[in-house]
Protein backbone atom coordinates (compact mmCIF):
# COMPACT_ATOMS: atom_id res chain seq x y z
CA MET A 1 21.34 -25.66 -0.55
CA THR A 2 24.66 -26.63 1.35
CA GLY A 3 27.61 -24.95 1.58
CA THR A 4 28.35 -21.15 0.93
CA ALA A 5 29.11 -21.48 -2.96
CA PHE A 6 26.90 -21.66 -5.91
CA THR A 7 26.64 -21.19 -9.61
CA HIS A 8 24.73 -18.66 -11.38
CA ARG A 9 22.48 -20.53 -14.31
CA GLU A 10 21.89 -17.78 -17.28
CA SER A 11 18.37 -19.74 -18.26
CA GLU A 12 16.76 -18.85 -14.89
CA PRO A 13 14.04 -17.06 -15.49
CA THR A 14 14.07 -15.54 -12.07
CA MET A 15 17.12 -13.68 -12.77
CA ASP A 16 15.77 -12.22 -15.95
CA LEU A 17 15.02 -8.45 -14.38
CA GLY A 18 16.04 -9.96 -10.86
CA VAL A 19 12.61 -9.04 -9.27
CA ARG A 20 11.67 -12.26 -8.47
CA TRP A 21 13.00 -14.42 -5.73
CA LYS A 22 12.55 -17.77 -4.61
CA LEU A 23 12.10 -18.57 -0.49
CA HIS A 24 14.56 -19.65 0.99
CA GLY A 25 14.47 -22.75 3.27
CA ASP A 26 11.74 -22.24 6.16
CA GLY A 27 12.29 -17.95 5.05
CA ARG A 28 13.12 -17.82 8.80
CA THR A 29 17.38 -17.74 8.49
CA PRO A 30 19.69 -19.28 6.25
CA ALA A 31 20.59 -23.01 6.70
CA PRO A 32 23.86 -24.34 8.08
CA GLY A 33 26.59 -23.37 6.40
CA ALA A 34 24.25 -21.93 3.46
CA VAL A 35 23.61 -18.36 2.37
CA VAL A 36 20.39 -17.16 0.99
CA ARG A 37 21.64 -16.13 -2.99
CA PRO A 38 20.80 -12.61 -4.57
CA ASP A 39 17.68 -14.68 -6.23
CA GLU A 40 16.52 -15.53 -3.02
CA ARG A 41 14.79 -14.20 -0.32
CA LEU A 42 13.43 -14.68 3.56
CA SER A 43 9.94 -14.06 4.68
CA TRP A 44 9.05 -10.72 3.80
CA PRO A 45 8.95 -9.24 6.95
CA ARG A 46 12.46 -10.08 7.32
CA THR A 47 13.29 -8.98 4.35
CA ILE A 48 12.09 -5.60 5.10
CA GLY A 49 13.53 -5.52 8.42
CA LEU A 50 16.55 -6.17 6.77
CA GLY A 51 16.55 -3.42 4.10
CA ALA A 52 15.92 -1.01 6.92
CA GLN A 53 18.98 -2.00 8.70
CA HIS A 54 21.04 -1.38 5.33
CA VAL A 55 19.55 1.97 5.46
CA VAL A 56 20.94 2.33 9.00
CA ALA A 57 24.38 1.01 7.62
CA MET A 58 25.08 3.52 4.99
CA PHE A 59 23.30 6.32 7.25
CA GLY A 60 26.61 7.67 8.43
CA ALA A 61 28.71 8.54 5.28
CA SER A 62 25.54 8.70 2.64
CA PHE A 63 24.15 11.62 5.04
CA VAL A 64 27.49 13.21 5.87
CA ALA A 65 28.62 13.40 2.75
CA PRO A 66 25.92 15.82 0.92
CA VAL A 67 26.04 17.44 4.14
CA LEU A 68 29.85 18.04 3.53
CA MET A 69 29.31 18.79 0.13
CA GLY A 70 26.80 21.55 0.66
CA LEU A 71 24.22 19.71 -1.28
CA ASN A 72 20.56 18.54 0.08
CA PRO A 73 20.74 15.68 2.09
CA ASN A 74 16.77 14.88 1.51
CA LEU A 75 17.46 14.54 -2.10
CA ALA A 76 20.97 12.95 -1.41
CA ILE A 77 18.59 9.89 0.40
CA MET A 78 15.72 9.78 -2.19
CA MET A 79 18.07 9.97 -4.94
CA SER A 80 20.01 6.80 -3.24
CA GLY A 81 17.24 5.08 -3.50
CA VAL A 82 16.60 5.67 -7.35
CA ALA A 83 20.10 4.70 -7.80
CA THR A 84 20.10 1.65 -6.08
CA VAL A 85 17.08 0.51 -8.35
CA LEU A 86 18.45 1.10 -11.44
CA PHE A 87 21.82 -0.77 -10.46
CA LEU A 88 19.51 -3.62 -9.77
CA LEU A 89 17.55 -3.29 -12.86
CA ALA A 90 21.18 -3.13 -14.85
CA THR A 91 22.78 -5.49 -13.13
CA ARG A 92 19.60 -7.84 -13.13
CA GLY A 93 19.99 -8.90 -9.60
CA ARG A 94 23.43 -10.17 -9.20
CA VAL A 95 25.33 -7.84 -8.00
CA PRO A 96 23.28 -7.00 -4.94
CA SER A 97 24.32 -3.60 -3.61
CA TYR A 98 23.22 -0.45 -1.88
CA LEU A 99 24.42 3.11 -3.89
CA GLY A 100 24.75 6.03 -1.88
CA CYS A 101 26.53 9.41 -2.13
CA SER A 102 30.46 9.09 -2.88
CA LEU A 103 32.72 10.31 -0.02
CA SER A 104 35.16 10.20 -2.56
CA PHE A 105 33.44 14.15 -4.34
CA VAL A 106 33.56 15.89 -1.21
CA GLY A 107 37.06 17.54 -1.51
CA VAL A 108 35.85 18.08 -5.05
CA ALA A 109 33.21 19.76 -3.85
CA ALA A 110 35.08 22.02 -1.32
CA VAL A 111 37.68 22.82 -3.89
CA ILE A 112 35.46 23.90 -6.34
CA ARG A 113 33.18 26.05 -3.78
CA ALA A 114 36.82 27.92 -2.46
CA GLN A 115 37.00 29.01 -6.19
CA GLY A 116 33.41 30.37 -5.86
CA GLY A 117 31.52 27.82 -7.38
CA THR A 118 27.65 26.79 -6.29
CA SER A 119 25.69 23.82 -5.84
CA ALA A 120 24.76 23.99 -9.30
CA THR A 121 28.80 23.86 -10.27
CA VAL A 122 29.27 21.12 -8.10
CA THR A 123 27.08 19.25 -9.65
CA GLY A 124 27.39 20.02 -13.38
CA ALA A 125 31.53 18.61 -12.15
CA CYS A 126 30.17 15.42 -11.06
CA PHE A 127 27.58 15.04 -13.93
CA VAL A 128 30.28 15.05 -16.24
CA THR A 129 32.80 12.49 -13.95
CA GLY A 130 29.34 10.12 -14.36
CA THR A 131 29.53 10.41 -17.67
CA VAL A 132 33.24 9.39 -18.00
CA LEU A 133 32.63 6.63 -15.50
CA PHE A 134 29.77 5.41 -17.63
CA LEU A 135 31.94 5.29 -20.85
CA VAL A 136 34.54 3.26 -18.46
CA GLY A 137 32.00 0.87 -17.82
CA LEU A 138 31.28 0.58 -21.89
CA ALA A 139 35.41 -0.23 -22.09
CA VAL A 140 35.34 -2.78 -19.36
CA GLN A 141 32.45 -4.67 -20.72
CA ARG A 142 33.83 -4.39 -24.43
CA PHE A 143 37.91 -5.13 -23.89
CA GLY A 144 37.58 -6.75 -20.61
CA ALA A 145 38.67 -5.68 -17.19
CA GLN A 146 42.34 -5.86 -18.46
CA VAL A 147 41.63 -2.14 -19.61
CA ILE A 148 41.75 -0.79 -15.99
CA HIS A 149 44.86 -2.76 -15.03
CA ALA A 150 46.57 -1.63 -18.26
CA ALA A 151 45.40 2.06 -17.44
CA MET A 152 45.16 2.84 -13.97
CA PRO A 153 47.47 -0.07 -12.26
CA PRO A 154 47.67 -0.77 -8.34
CA ILE A 155 50.33 2.20 -7.66
CA VAL A 156 48.24 5.05 -9.71
CA THR A 157 44.79 3.75 -8.03
CA GLY A 158 46.26 3.46 -4.39
CA ALA A 159 48.06 7.03 -4.95
CA VAL A 160 44.92 8.92 -6.34
CA VAL A 161 42.64 7.61 -3.23
CA MET A 162 45.36 8.61 -1.15
CA LEU A 163 45.76 12.12 -2.47
CA ILE A 164 41.80 12.64 -2.70
CA GLY A 165 41.14 11.73 0.78
CA PHE A 166 44.32 13.51 2.53
CA ASN A 167 43.36 16.62 0.48
CA LEU A 168 40.86 17.09 2.64
CA ALA A 169 42.61 17.49 6.04
CA PRO A 170 42.74 21.62 5.70
CA VAL A 171 38.48 21.29 5.54
CA THR A 172 38.89 19.77 8.92
CA ALA A 173 41.22 21.51 10.70
CA SER A 174 40.05 25.09 9.17
CA THR A 175 36.15 24.81 9.04
CA TYR A 176 34.68 22.16 11.17
CA TRP A 177 37.19 21.91 13.99
CA PRO A 178 37.31 24.95 14.96
CA GLN A 179 33.59 25.59 15.52
CA ASP A 180 33.80 23.38 18.44
CA GLN A 181 37.14 21.82 19.42
CA TRP A 182 35.89 19.44 22.28
CA THR A 183 32.67 18.34 20.91
CA ALA A 184 35.04 17.92 18.18
CA LEU A 185 37.74 15.74 20.35
CA LEU A 186 35.20 13.87 22.36
CA THR A 187 33.06 12.90 19.05
CA MET A 188 36.37 11.76 17.37
CA LEU A 189 36.87 9.40 20.62
CA PHE A 190 33.64 8.12 21.04
CA THR A 191 33.58 7.27 17.32
CA GLY A 192 36.91 5.60 16.98
CA MET A 193 36.30 3.61 20.03
CA ALA A 194 33.20 2.62 18.25
CA VAL A 195 35.13 1.32 15.21
CA VAL A 196 37.35 -0.78 17.29
CA CYS A 197 35.52 -2.11 20.50
CA LEU A 198 32.00 -2.62 18.57
CA ARG A 199 31.08 -6.05 17.17
CA GLY A 200 28.71 -7.02 14.33
CA PHE A 201 26.59 -4.45 12.86
CA TRP A 202 27.47 -1.97 15.64
CA SER A 203 30.72 -1.58 14.24
CA ARG A 204 29.87 -1.05 10.60
CA ILE A 205 27.37 1.82 11.78
CA ALA A 206 30.15 3.53 14.01
CA ILE A 207 29.99 6.71 11.83
CA PHE A 208 25.90 6.90 12.48
CA LEU A 209 26.38 6.10 16.24
CA GLY A 210 29.21 9.04 16.33
CA LEU A 211 26.76 11.26 14.90
CA VAL A 212 24.28 10.38 17.34
CA PHE A 213 26.54 11.29 20.18
CA GLY A 214 28.14 14.29 18.91
CA TYR A 215 24.45 15.62 18.18
CA ALA A 216 23.24 14.22 21.53
CA LEU A 217 25.99 16.11 23.16
CA SER A 218 25.97 18.79 21.54
CA TRP A 219 22.70 19.46 22.70
CA ALA A 220 23.76 18.77 26.67
CA LEU A 221 26.52 21.08 26.43
CA ASP A 222 23.97 23.93 24.91
CA ARG A 223 21.73 23.36 28.12
CA ILE A 224 24.74 23.29 30.34
CA PHE A 225 26.83 26.62 29.49
CA GLY A 226 25.08 27.70 27.01
CA ARG A 227 25.98 29.94 23.61
CA ILE A 228 29.66 29.08 22.64
CA HIS A 229 31.86 32.18 21.06
CA SER A 230 33.74 30.60 18.09
CA VAL A 231 33.59 30.54 14.14
CA ASP A 232 30.27 29.83 12.93
CA GLY A 233 29.60 27.81 9.45
CA SER A 234 30.23 30.88 7.81
CA GLY A 235 33.46 31.64 9.32
CA LYS A 236 32.56 34.42 11.62
CA VAL A 237 33.75 34.49 15.45
CA THR A 238 30.20 35.21 17.05
CA ASP A 239 27.93 33.78 20.33
CA HIS A 240 26.07 30.77 18.96
CA TRP A 241 24.27 27.22 19.92
CA ARG A 242 26.46 24.25 18.66
CA LEU A 243 23.25 22.59 17.68
CA ASP A 244 20.52 24.92 15.76
CA LEU A 245 17.49 23.27 15.43
CA SER A 246 15.11 26.32 14.32
CA GLY A 247 15.37 24.59 10.78
CA VAL A 248 13.49 21.63 12.12
CA SER A 249 10.61 23.43 13.47
CA HIS A 250 10.13 25.25 10.45
CA ALA A 251 10.32 22.31 8.04
CA ASP A 252 7.38 20.18 6.67
CA TRP A 253 6.85 16.37 7.72
CA ILE A 254 5.81 15.69 3.71
CA GLY A 255 7.30 17.29 0.71
CA LEU A 256 9.57 17.22 -2.04
CA PRO A 257 13.26 18.03 -1.64
CA SER A 258 14.37 21.07 -3.65
CA PHE A 259 16.08 20.16 -7.09
CA HIS A 260 18.15 22.73 -9.22
CA GLY A 261 20.09 21.60 -12.47
CA PRO A 262 23.49 21.40 -13.12
CA THR A 263 25.83 23.86 -14.83
CA PHE A 264 29.19 23.30 -16.26
CA GLU A 265 32.81 25.06 -16.16
CA TRP A 266 35.83 23.74 -17.27
CA SER A 267 37.74 24.29 -14.09
CA ALA A 268 35.48 22.42 -11.62
CA ILE A 269 35.13 19.57 -13.99
CA LEU A 270 39.01 19.06 -14.31
CA VAL A 271 39.03 19.03 -10.59
CA ALA A 272 36.21 16.59 -10.50
CA LEU A 273 37.22 13.60 -13.39
CA PRO A 274 40.50 11.90 -10.85
CA VAL A 275 37.58 10.89 -8.75
CA VAL A 276 36.65 8.19 -11.80
CA ILE A 277 39.85 6.60 -10.83
CA ALA A 278 38.52 6.21 -7.18
CA LEU A 279 34.83 5.13 -8.04
CA VAL A 280 36.18 2.27 -10.83
CA ALA A 281 38.23 1.19 -7.93
CA GLU A 282 35.19 0.67 -5.61
CA ASN A 283 33.05 -0.87 -7.61
CA ALA A 284 35.79 -3.48 -8.51
CA GLY A 285 36.40 -3.82 -5.05
CA HIS A 286 32.62 -4.14 -4.25
CA VAL A 287 32.28 -6.80 -7.21
CA LYS A 288 34.60 -8.88 -6.61
CA ALA A 289 34.14 -9.11 -2.34
CA VAL A 290 30.35 -10.11 -3.64
CA GLY A 291 31.80 -12.45 -5.95
CA GLU A 292 33.52 -14.25 -3.14
CA MET A 293 31.51 -14.10 -0.83
CA THR A 294 28.34 -16.02 -3.01
CA GLY A 295 30.93 -18.07 -4.97
CA ASP A 296 29.10 -16.55 -8.09
CA PRO A 297 32.08 -15.24 -10.45
CA LEU A 298 30.86 -11.52 -11.48
CA ASP A 299 33.79 -10.39 -13.48
CA ASP A 300 31.39 -10.28 -16.34
CA LYS A 301 29.21 -7.89 -14.61
CA LEU A 302 31.94 -5.52 -13.37
CA GLY A 303 31.74 -3.50 -16.50
CA THR A 304 27.93 -3.02 -16.49
CA ALA A 305 28.35 -2.35 -12.45
CA ILE A 306 30.32 0.61 -13.53
CA SER A 307 28.27 2.20 -16.70
CA ALA A 308 25.13 1.61 -13.69
CA ASP A 309 26.80 3.48 -11.25
CA GLY A 310 28.11 6.08 -13.76
CA VAL A 311 24.18 6.30 -15.39
CA ALA A 312 22.81 6.72 -11.36
CA SER A 313 25.24 9.03 -10.85
CA MET A 314 24.19 11.46 -14.30
CA LEU A 315 20.79 10.99 -13.03
CA SER A 316 20.76 11.91 -9.30
CA THR A 317 23.37 15.21 -10.20
CA ALA A 318 20.85 16.09 -13.59
CA VAL A 319 18.61 17.14 -10.49
CA GLY A 320 21.08 18.46 -8.03
CA GLY A 321 21.92 15.56 -5.97
CA PRO A 322 25.43 14.35 -5.53
CA PRO A 323 26.95 11.39 -6.82
CA ASN A 324 26.33 8.01 -6.05
CA THR A 325 28.79 5.02 -5.75
CA THR A 326 29.02 1.20 -4.12
CA TYR A 327 28.79 1.27 -0.09
CA SER A 328 31.30 -1.50 1.70
CA GLU A 329 29.26 -0.88 4.75
CA ASN A 330 26.62 -3.14 3.21
CA ILE A 331 28.95 -6.08 1.81
CA GLY A 332 29.51 -5.83 5.74
CA VAL A 333 26.00 -6.47 6.85
CA MET A 334 25.73 -8.73 4.19
CA ALA A 335 28.65 -11.16 5.53
CA ALA A 336 27.38 -11.00 8.52
CA THR A 337 23.94 -12.24 8.02
CA ARG A 338 25.03 -14.08 5.12
CA VAL A 339 21.66 -12.63 3.23
CA TYR A 340 22.85 -11.53 -0.15
CA SER A 341 19.22 -11.35 -1.32
CA THR A 342 18.39 -8.21 -3.81
CA ALA A 343 14.84 -8.18 -2.21
CA ALA A 344 16.22 -6.45 0.65
CA TYR A 345 17.94 -3.70 -1.45
CA TRP A 346 14.81 -3.33 -2.83
CA ALA A 347 13.14 -2.83 0.39
CA ALA A 348 16.18 -0.45 1.56
CA ALA A 349 15.47 1.53 -2.10
CA ALA A 350 12.13 1.93 -0.75
CA PHE A 351 12.47 3.44 2.63
CA ALA A 352 15.36 5.74 1.18
CA LEU A 353 12.51 6.96 -0.76
CA LEU A 354 10.61 7.88 1.95
CA PHE A 355 12.73 9.33 4.21
CA GLY A 356 13.42 11.69 0.91
CA LEU A 357 9.69 12.53 1.23
CA CYS A 358 10.38 14.27 4.94
CA PRO A 359 11.76 17.57 5.09
CA LYS A 360 11.40 17.44 8.57
CA PHE A 361 14.13 14.68 8.40
CA GLY A 362 16.20 16.37 5.83
CA ALA A 363 16.61 19.28 8.40
CA VAL A 364 17.59 17.10 11.45
CA VAL A 365 20.15 15.95 9.03
CA ALA A 366 21.36 19.49 8.30
CA ALA A 367 21.87 20.77 11.15
CA ILE A 368 24.71 18.51 12.61
CA PRO A 369 27.00 20.95 14.46
CA GLY A 370 30.32 21.48 13.30
CA GLY A 371 32.31 20.46 15.63
CA VAL A 372 30.56 16.83 15.55
CA LEU A 373 31.19 17.18 12.01
CA GLY A 374 35.11 17.94 12.74
CA GLY A 375 35.59 14.93 15.13
CA ILE A 376 33.26 12.60 12.53
CA THR A 377 35.58 13.90 9.53
CA VAL A 378 38.96 13.54 11.15
CA ILE A 379 38.87 9.57 11.21
CA LEU A 380 36.50 9.63 7.91
CA TYR A 381 38.96 11.60 5.94
CA GLY A 382 41.81 9.76 6.96
CA MET A 383 39.92 6.74 6.10
CA ILE A 384 39.28 7.42 2.86
CA GLY A 385 43.18 8.54 2.23
CA LEU A 386 44.61 5.32 3.90
CA LEU A 387 42.05 2.92 1.86
CA GLY A 388 44.87 4.34 -0.84
CA ALA A 389 47.53 2.54 1.07
CA GLN A 390 44.99 -0.43 1.34
CA ILE A 391 45.40 -0.71 -2.02
CA TRP A 392 48.92 -0.87 -2.59
CA THR A 393 49.20 -3.19 0.50
CA ASN A 394 46.59 -5.99 -0.99
CA ALA A 395 48.42 -5.52 -5.09
CA ARG A 396 52.02 -5.71 -2.99
CA VAL A 397 52.68 -2.82 -5.04
CA ASP A 398 56.60 -1.97 -3.81
CA LEU A 399 57.90 1.73 -3.06
CA ARG A 400 61.43 0.85 -2.97
CA ASN A 401 61.27 0.48 -6.97
CA PRO A 402 61.70 4.08 -8.16
CA LEU A 403 58.86 3.67 -11.01
CA ASN A 404 56.23 3.35 -8.12
CA LEU A 405 57.90 5.60 -6.04
CA VAL A 406 58.53 8.60 -7.68
CA PRO A 407 55.08 9.40 -9.47
CA ALA A 408 53.41 8.45 -6.22
CA ALA A 409 55.44 10.96 -4.49
CA ALA A 410 54.89 13.99 -6.72
CA GLY A 411 51.44 13.30 -7.35
CA ILE A 412 50.86 12.91 -3.75
CA ILE A 413 52.59 15.95 -2.35
CA ILE A 414 50.93 18.33 -5.22
CA GLY A 415 47.49 16.87 -4.32
CA VAL A 416 47.52 17.30 -0.75
CA GLY A 417 49.51 20.44 -0.52
CA GLY A 418 47.48 22.03 -3.16
CA VAL A 419 50.29 22.76 -5.63
CA THR A 420 49.28 25.16 -8.50
CA LEU A 421 50.48 25.33 -11.94
CA LYS A 422 49.14 28.08 -14.00
CA PHE A 423 48.84 28.28 -17.47
CA THR A 424 47.36 31.35 -18.21
CA ASP A 425 45.38 34.24 -15.92
CA ASN A 426 42.34 32.40 -16.46
CA PHE A 427 43.65 28.79 -16.36
CA SER A 428 45.64 26.77 -14.00
CA LEU A 429 45.83 23.29 -12.64
CA SER A 430 46.10 22.30 -8.90
CA GLY A 431 45.48 20.11 -6.51
CA ILE A 432 43.36 16.76 -7.02
CA ALA A 433 43.32 17.40 -10.53
CA LEU A 434 47.16 18.64 -11.33
CA GLY A 435 48.27 15.31 -8.64
CA THR A 436 46.17 13.27 -10.28
CA ILE A 437 47.77 14.01 -13.47
CA VAL A 438 51.31 13.75 -11.96
CA VAL A 439 50.69 10.67 -11.22
CA ILE A 440 49.29 8.60 -14.35
CA THR A 441 51.19 10.56 -17.00
CA GLY A 442 54.02 10.16 -14.83
CA TYR A 443 54.10 6.69 -13.95
CA HIS A 444 53.15 5.61 -17.95
CA ALA A 445 56.16 8.05 -19.00
CA LEU A 446 58.61 6.52 -16.48
CA ARG A 447 57.75 3.14 -17.65
CA ALA A 448 58.16 3.91 -21.13
CA PHE A 449 61.54 5.03 -20.56
CA ALA A 450 62.83 2.77 -17.60
CA PRO A 451 65.27 0.01 -17.74
CA ALA A 452 63.81 -3.33 -18.02
CA HIS A 453 64.94 -4.31 -14.43
CA LEU A 454 62.83 -1.77 -13.28
CA LYS A 455 59.78 -3.03 -14.42
CA GLN A 456 60.53 -6.65 -13.06
CA GLY A 457 61.35 -5.10 -9.91
CA THR A 458 64.65 -5.42 -9.73
CA PRO A 459 67.10 -4.13 -8.59
CA LEU A 460 65.35 -1.96 -5.62
CA LEU A 461 66.53 1.67 -3.73
CA ASP A 462 67.78 0.18 -0.50
CA ALA A 463 66.65 -3.47 -1.36
CA GLY A 464 70.23 -4.28 0.56
CA THR A 465 70.74 -8.17 0.45
CA SER A 466 67.14 -8.81 0.34
CA SER A 467 66.16 -11.80 -1.98
CA TYR A 468 65.79 -9.13 -4.90
CA ASP A 469 68.88 -9.68 -6.05
CA ASP A 470 67.58 -13.78 -6.74
CA GLY A 471 65.54 -12.12 -9.17
CA ASP A 472 62.43 -13.25 -7.17
CA PRO A 473 60.22 -10.62 -5.99
CA SER A 474 57.64 -13.12 -4.27
CA ALA A 475 60.56 -13.81 -1.34
CA SER A 476 60.99 -10.54 -0.40
CA SER A 477 60.07 -9.90 2.98
């Protein structure tokens, strides 16, 4: 095969279940100018190595997320392997992807726990969200992607993603950073340098490298300066070790993670439901990116991908694990290697299952110091929020138009500021849930009453003498 594009052929028996692969070339490296297609593979040793690389690429975010949510990291990595297998089977091997713990739910978990919720309450709310995501996927399969664009245009999607990310800022400022401010600062600086200065694969695992750096730094500071006097994970001011490895020594090498069932509370469910919008945006972006890089249009698989993500999240949260989503880190690995073989993702899923069966490994992850998480989350939470701005930029959303500006501005401030709307003594809406409702209903309500010229993009706030005056929005600078 030559060139980077290929045409999918539905009649190929190798793609019926997506679990059979043809050897690409000599099995060593992609041919010049070519890519290894999802239904192809390199030699098995190289494929297994690529699978391990995919697991490492998602380590940082996929292990940080369950720790921040207060869930079992061993169970999280195990269920990410199960979710990946389910996703690959559902999409019949056409959409190479790894499903890991979604960071979009970290803020949800923080809010639910602040309201007195338990891990079961968190997973129950996430289970309902996965169910709704599954139903959205079915709707996309039935009516096409236009149903998403109609209900959730870029201005809405971007605003919701932004308020979800920025809503997490107080968690970093009040919970993690105060535990060890200097370790947090140095970890933040190292991670930022890694993201910007490293190249290729190393830049894509910058979060993981930041965790390793902070871990090692905390150990060294304990050896040099002894215990630190600061708040601990429970919020009490005590003398404590930065890095407490006592749980690691007591953990077994082999064993099953702990499972628990979900419980359902309306207040928690309402907090979690807005994340559906972020998950739909993530899945749509993943499918679009993979389709463009491989040359195989995957629009017909968008609904299937969204539904598969929803079912995988339902399965994970039903046993006490976190919800899942597709990972952009793994897209970077595919782009760098030009290997889109789903065989590598099956290998990655197998590695994840093995890690999930090692409680000692989970104990090492759970021991990540609070100061390290403070430095990591400063960047990570900000990046989540700014993904909303990226959605606006890619869609060329013009915030000078009041129809876009007003609902987004109001929803973001409500979501980030934690504004509360109380209905009864037992029911209120606040933060992420209320902000999302304001963005969605506000946009569609205003659009229903807005004059025609605002729906077309002109005139705009402070447009001055821009070319919008000519009625040609494409010419605006």
